[in-house]
């Protein structure tokens, strides 16, 4: 489920099935041109949307969160979800608010070859399997 009006019309019916929040996090840092930032943000959003599509019905994809790397606060997570998945670019240092570590999966996305369709598909495949692994670990406990 994505964070838009069309899908939120069904939120009340689906809320009992949606136990996972998918939170793409973009840390804005110097050293990239505006074009590169746009490409990177778009890529991260597309990866998140592809993961949500593969796992539709159990995940709510939140809008992308933009933060400046120098001013990055501790990441807070929405309540009422059993699982939280933070999606970010490899090399970004993600800090969680104190006491938020349970049920959190932090998934790094590589930033090489962002225009490669094959790399995109492989990235999505690897990451969505990590989400399934998280769910299976919880079930097995």
C-alpha atoms as a PDB file:
ATOM      1  CA  UNK A   1       0.000   0.000   0.000  1.00  0.00           C
ATOM      2  CA  UNK A   2       1.340   3.398  -0.937  1.00  0.00           C
ATOM      3  CA  UNK A   3       0.835   6.709   0.795  1.00  0.00           C
ATOM      4  CA  UNK A   4      -1.664   8.254  -1.615  1.00  0.00           C
ATOM      5  CA  UNK A   5      -5.386   9.099  -1.618  1.00  0.00           C
ATOM      6  CA  UNK A   6      -6.404   6.304  -3.976  1.00  0.00           C
ATOM      7  CA  UNK A   7      -4.977   3.575  -1.781  1.00  0.00           C
ATOM      8  CA  UNK A   8      -5.858   5.193   1.534  1.00  0.00           C
ATOM      9  CA  UNK A   9      -9.560   4.946   0.745  1.00  0.00           C
ATOM     10  CA  UNK A  10      -9.199   1.275   1.736  1.00  0.00           C
ATOM     11  CA  UNK A  11      -7.027   1.901   4.819  1.00  0.00           C
ATOM     12  CA  UNK A  12      -9.663   0.976   7.412  1.00  0.00           C
ATOM     13  CA  UNK A  13     -10.284  -2.418   5.797  1.00  0.00           C
ATOM     14  CA  UNK A  14      -6.591  -3.171   5.300  1.00  0.00           C
ATOM     15  CA  UNK A  15      -5.044  -1.775   8.488  1.00  0.00           C
ATOM     16  CA  UNK A  16      -5.169  -5.141  10.305  1.00  0.00           C
ATOM     17  CA  UNK A  17      -3.085  -6.765   7.534  1.00  0.00           C
ATOM     18  CA  UNK A  18      -0.495  -4.007   7.134  1.00  0.00           C
ATOM     19  CA  UNK A  19       2.130  -4.605   9.823  1.00  0.00           C
ATOM     20  CA  UNK A  20       5.228  -3.197   8.118  1.00  0.00           C
ATOM     21  CA  UNK A  21       6.237   0.417   7.496  1.00  0.00           C
ATOM     22  CA  UNK A  22       8.675   0.984   4.613  1.00  0.00           C
ATOM     23  CA  UNK A  23      10.486   4.282   5.106  1.00  0.00           C
ATOM     24  CA  UNK A  24      12.838   5.516   2.372  1.00  0.00           C
ATOM     25  CA  UNK A  25      15.347   7.966   3.848  1.00  0.00           C
ATOM     26  CA  UNK A  26      17.461  10.261   1.691  1.00  0.00           C
ATOM     27  CA  UNK A  27      20.383  12.017   3.323  1.00  0.00           C
ATOM     28  CA  UNK A  28      21.297  15.116   1.359  1.00  0.00           C
ATOM     29  CA  UNK A  29      25.026  15.726   1.370  1.00  0.00           C
ATOM     30  CA  UNK A  30      27.350  18.020  -0.506  1.00  0.00           C
ATOM     31  CA  UNK A  31      29.452  16.682  -3.335  1.00  0.00           C
ATOM     32  CA  UNK A  32      26.588  15.869  -5.692  1.00  0.00           C
ATOM     33  CA  UNK A  33      25.067  18.109  -8.331  1.00  0.00           C
ATOM     34  CA  UNK A  34      21.346  18.816  -8.306  1.00  0.00           C
ATOM     35  CA  UNK A  35      20.944  16.374 -11.215  1.00  0.00           C
ATOM     36  CA  UNK A  36      22.718  13.658  -9.233  1.00  0.00           C
ATOM     37  CA  UNK A  37      20.533  14.287  -6.181  1.00  0.00           C
ATOM     38  CA  UNK A  38      17.394  14.022  -8.300  1.00  0.00           C
ATOM     39  CA  UNK A  39      18.638  10.773  -9.868  1.00  0.00           C
ATOM     40  CA  UNK A  40      19.535   9.287  -6.474  1.00  0.00           C
ATOM     41  CA  UNK A  41      16.251  10.301  -4.798  1.00  0.00           C
ATOM     42  CA  UNK A  42      14.244   8.977  -7.711  1.00  0.00           C
ATOM     43  CA  UNK A  43      16.170   5.698  -7.662  1.00  0.00           C
ATOM     44  CA  UNK A  44      15.594   5.237  -3.935  1.00  0.00           C
ATOM     45  CA  UNK A  45      11.875   5.906  -4.378  1.00  0.00           C
ATOM     46  CA  UNK A  46      11.661   3.479  -7.285  1.00  0.00           C
ATOM     47  CA  UNK A  47      13.396   0.746  -5.274  1.00  0.00           C
ATOM     48  CA  UNK A  48      10.997   1.339  -2.383  1.00  0.00           C
ATOM     49  CA  UNK A  49       7.966   1.246  -4.699  1.00  0.00           C
ATOM     50  CA  UNK A  50       9.163  -1.979  -6.337  1.00  0.00           C
ATOM     51  CA  UNK A  51       9.630  -3.631  -2.930  1.00  0.00           C
ATOM     52  CA  UNK A  52       6.154  -2.497  -1.907  1.00  0.00           C
ATOM     53  CA  UNK A  53       4.677  -3.945  -5.103  1.00  0.00           C
ATOM     54  CA  UNK A  54       6.326  -7.336  -4.506  1.00  0.00           C
ATOM     55  CA  UNK A  55       5.033  -7.429  -0.922  1.00  0.00           C
ATOM     56  CA  UNK A  56       1.736  -5.618  -1.466  1.00  0.00           C
ATOM     57  CA  UNK A  57      -0.874  -6.114   1.196  1.00  0.00           C
ATOM     58  CA  UNK A  58       1.432  -6.150   4.193  1.00  0.00           C
ATOM     59  CA  UNK A  59       3.558  -3.028   3.701  1.00  0.00           C
ATOM     60  CA  UNK A  60       2.749   0.667   3.834  1.00  0.00           C
ATOM     61  CA  UNK A  61       5.233   2.693   1.795  1.00  0.00           C
ATOM     62  CA  UNK A  62       5.715   6.082   3.445  1.00  0.00           C
ATOM     63  CA  UNK A  63       6.797   9.170   1.479  1.00  0.00           C
ATOM     64  CA  UNK A  64      10.532   9.691   1.187  1.00  0.00           C
ATOM     65  CA  UNK A  65      12.122  11.528   4.090  1.00  0.00           C
ATOM     66  CA  UNK A  66      14.781  14.109   3.192  1.00  0.00           C
ATOM     67  CA  UNK A  67      17.355  15.111   5.739  1.00  0.00           C
ATOM     68  CA  UNK A  68      20.626  17.005   5.581  1.00  0.00           C
ATOM     69  CA  UNK A  69      23.465  14.719   6.595  1.00  0.00           C
ATOM     70  CA  UNK A  70      24.933  17.378   8.922  1.00  0.00           C
ATOM     71  CA  UNK A  71      21.624  17.956  10.685  1.00  0.00           C
ATOM     72  CA  UNK A  72      20.369  14.392  10.822  1.00  0.00           C
ATOM     73  CA  UNK A  73      18.270  13.827  13.935  1.00  0.00           C
ATOM     74  CA  UNK A  74      17.718  10.398  15.418  1.00  0.00           C
ATOM     75  CA  UNK A  75      15.196   8.657  13.178  1.00  0.00           C
ATOM     76  CA  UNK A  76      11.783   8.241  14.785  1.00  0.00           C
ATOM     77  CA  UNK A  77       9.443   5.530  13.578  1.00  0.00           C
ATOM     78  CA  UNK A  78       5.659   5.478  13.216  1.00  0.00           C
ATOM     79  CA  UNK A  79       3.855   3.608  15.943  1.00  0.00           C
ATOM     80  CA  UNK A  80       1.404   0.726  15.440  1.00  0.00           C
ATOM     81  CA  UNK A  81       3.640  -1.251  13.087  1.00  0.00           C
ATOM     82  CA  UNK A  82       5.335  -4.500  14.108  1.00  0.00           C
ATOM     83  CA  UNK A  83       8.138  -3.987  11.597  1.00  0.00           C
ATOM     84  CA  UNK A  84       9.961  -0.941  10.274  1.00  0.00           C
ATOM     85  CA  UNK A  85      12.205  -0.999   7.228  1.00  0.00           C
ATOM     86  CA  UNK A  86      14.521   1.933   6.644  1.00  0.00           C
ATOM     87  CA  UNK A  87      15.816   2.148   3.089  1.00  0.00           C
ATOM     88  CA  UNK A  88      18.855   4.348   2.462  1.00  0.00           C
ATOM     89  CA  UNK A  89      21.994   4.586   0.364  1.00  0.00           C
ATOM     90  CA  UNK A  90      25.016   2.600   1.461  1.00  0.00           C
ATOM     91  CA  UNK A  91      27.429   4.785   3.370  1.00  0.00           C
ATOM     92  CA  UNK A  92      24.699   6.820   5.073  1.00  0.00           C
ATOM     93  CA  UNK A  93      24.810   6.570   8.852  1.00  0.00           C
ATOM     94  CA  UNK A  94      21.320   6.058  10.195  1.00  0.00           C
ATOM     95  CA  UNK A  95      20.660   6.803  13.841  1.00  0.00           C
ATOM     96  CA  UNK A  96      17.533   5.452  15.496  1.00  0.00           C
ATOM     97  CA  UNK A  97      15.775   7.170  18.350  1.00  0.00           C
ATOM     98  CA  UNK A  98      16.450   5.425  21.634  1.00  0.00           C
ATOM     99  CA  UNK A  99      14.359   2.315  22.219  1.00  0.00           C
ATOM    100  CA  UNK A 100      13.366   1.973  18.538  1.00  0.00           C
ATOM    101  CA  UNK A 101      15.651  -0.931  17.614  1.00  0.00           C
ATOM    102  CA  UNK A 102      13.132  -3.814  17.869  1.00  0.00           C
ATOM    103  CA  UNK A 103      11.613  -4.913  14.593  1.00  0.00           C
ATOM    104  CA  UNK A 104      13.759  -2.501  12.563  1.00  0.00           C
ATOM    105  CA  UNK A 105      15.528  -3.606   9.409  1.00  0.00           C
ATOM    106  CA  UNK A 106      17.944  -1.078   7.934  1.00  0.00           C
ATOM    107  CA  UNK A 107      18.512  -1.843   4.260  1.00  0.00           C
ATOM    108  CA  UNK A 108      21.325  -0.108   2.383  1.00  0.00           C
ATOM    109  CA  UNK A 109      21.021   0.466  -1.359  1.00  0.00           C
ATOM    110  CA  UNK A 110      24.138   0.670  -3.513  1.00  0.00           C
ATOM    111  CA  UNK A 111      24.580   3.853  -5.514  1.00  0.00           C
ATOM    112  CA  UNK A 112      26.584   2.465  -8.425  1.00  0.00           C
ATOM    113  CA  UNK A 113      25.087   2.153 -11.924  1.00  0.00           C
ATOM    114  CA  UNK A 114      21.812   3.850 -11.036  1.00  0.00           C
ATOM    115  CA  UNK A 115      20.770   3.805 -14.682  1.00  0.00           C
ATOM    116  CA  UNK A 116      21.178   0.020 -15.034  1.00  0.00           C
ATOM    117  CA  UNK A 117      17.857  -1.845 -15.258  1.00  0.00           C
ATOM    118  CA  UNK A 118      19.541  -5.146 -14.403  1.00  0.00           C
ATOM    119  CA  UNK A 119      21.173  -3.708 -11.296  1.00  0.00           C
ATOM    120  CA  UNK A 120      17.831  -2.237 -10.259  1.00  0.00           C
ATOM    121  CA  UNK A 121      16.083  -5.605 -10.571  1.00  0.00           C
ATOM    122  CA  UNK A 122      18.826  -7.404  -8.647  1.00  0.00           C
ATOM    123  CA  UNK A 123      18.734  -4.754  -5.899  1.00  0.00           C
ATOM    124  CA  UNK A 124      14.961  -5.040  -5.508  1.00  0.00           C
ATOM    125  CA  UNK A 125      15.149  -8.840  -5.510  1.00  0.00           C
ATOM    126  CA  UNK A 126      17.817  -8.941  -2.793  1.00  0.00           C
ATOM    127  CA  UNK A 127      16.100  -6.343  -0.594  1.00  0.00           C
ATOM    128  CA  UNK A 128      12.589  -7.761  -0.736  1.00  0.00           C
ATOM    129  CA  UNK A 129      13.986 -11.164   0.243  1.00  0.00           C
ATOM    130  CA  UNK A 130      15.566  -9.494   3.292  1.00  0.00           C
ATOM    131  CA  UNK A 131      12.106  -8.260   4.315  1.00  0.00           C
ATOM    132  CA  UNK A 132      10.691 -11.766   3.952  1.00  0.00           C
ATOM    133  CA  UNK A 133      13.583 -13.094   6.053  1.00  0.00           C
ATOM    134  CA  UNK A 134      12.717 -10.575   8.794  1.00  0.00           C
ATOM    135  CA  UNK A 135       9.100 -11.759   8.792  1.00  0.00           C
ATOM    136  CA  UNK A 136      10.161 -15.411   8.884  1.00  0.00           C
ATOM    137  CA  UNK A 137      12.522 -14.810  11.808  1.00  0.00           C
ATOM    138  CA  UNK A 138       9.691 -13.225  13.793  1.00  0.00           C
ATOM    139  CA  UNK A 139       7.366 -16.107  12.941  1.00  0.00           C
ATOM    140  CA  UNK A 140       9.968 -18.692  13.988  1.00  0.00           C
ATOM    141  CA  UNK A 141      10.507 -17.099  17.411  1.00  0.00           C
END
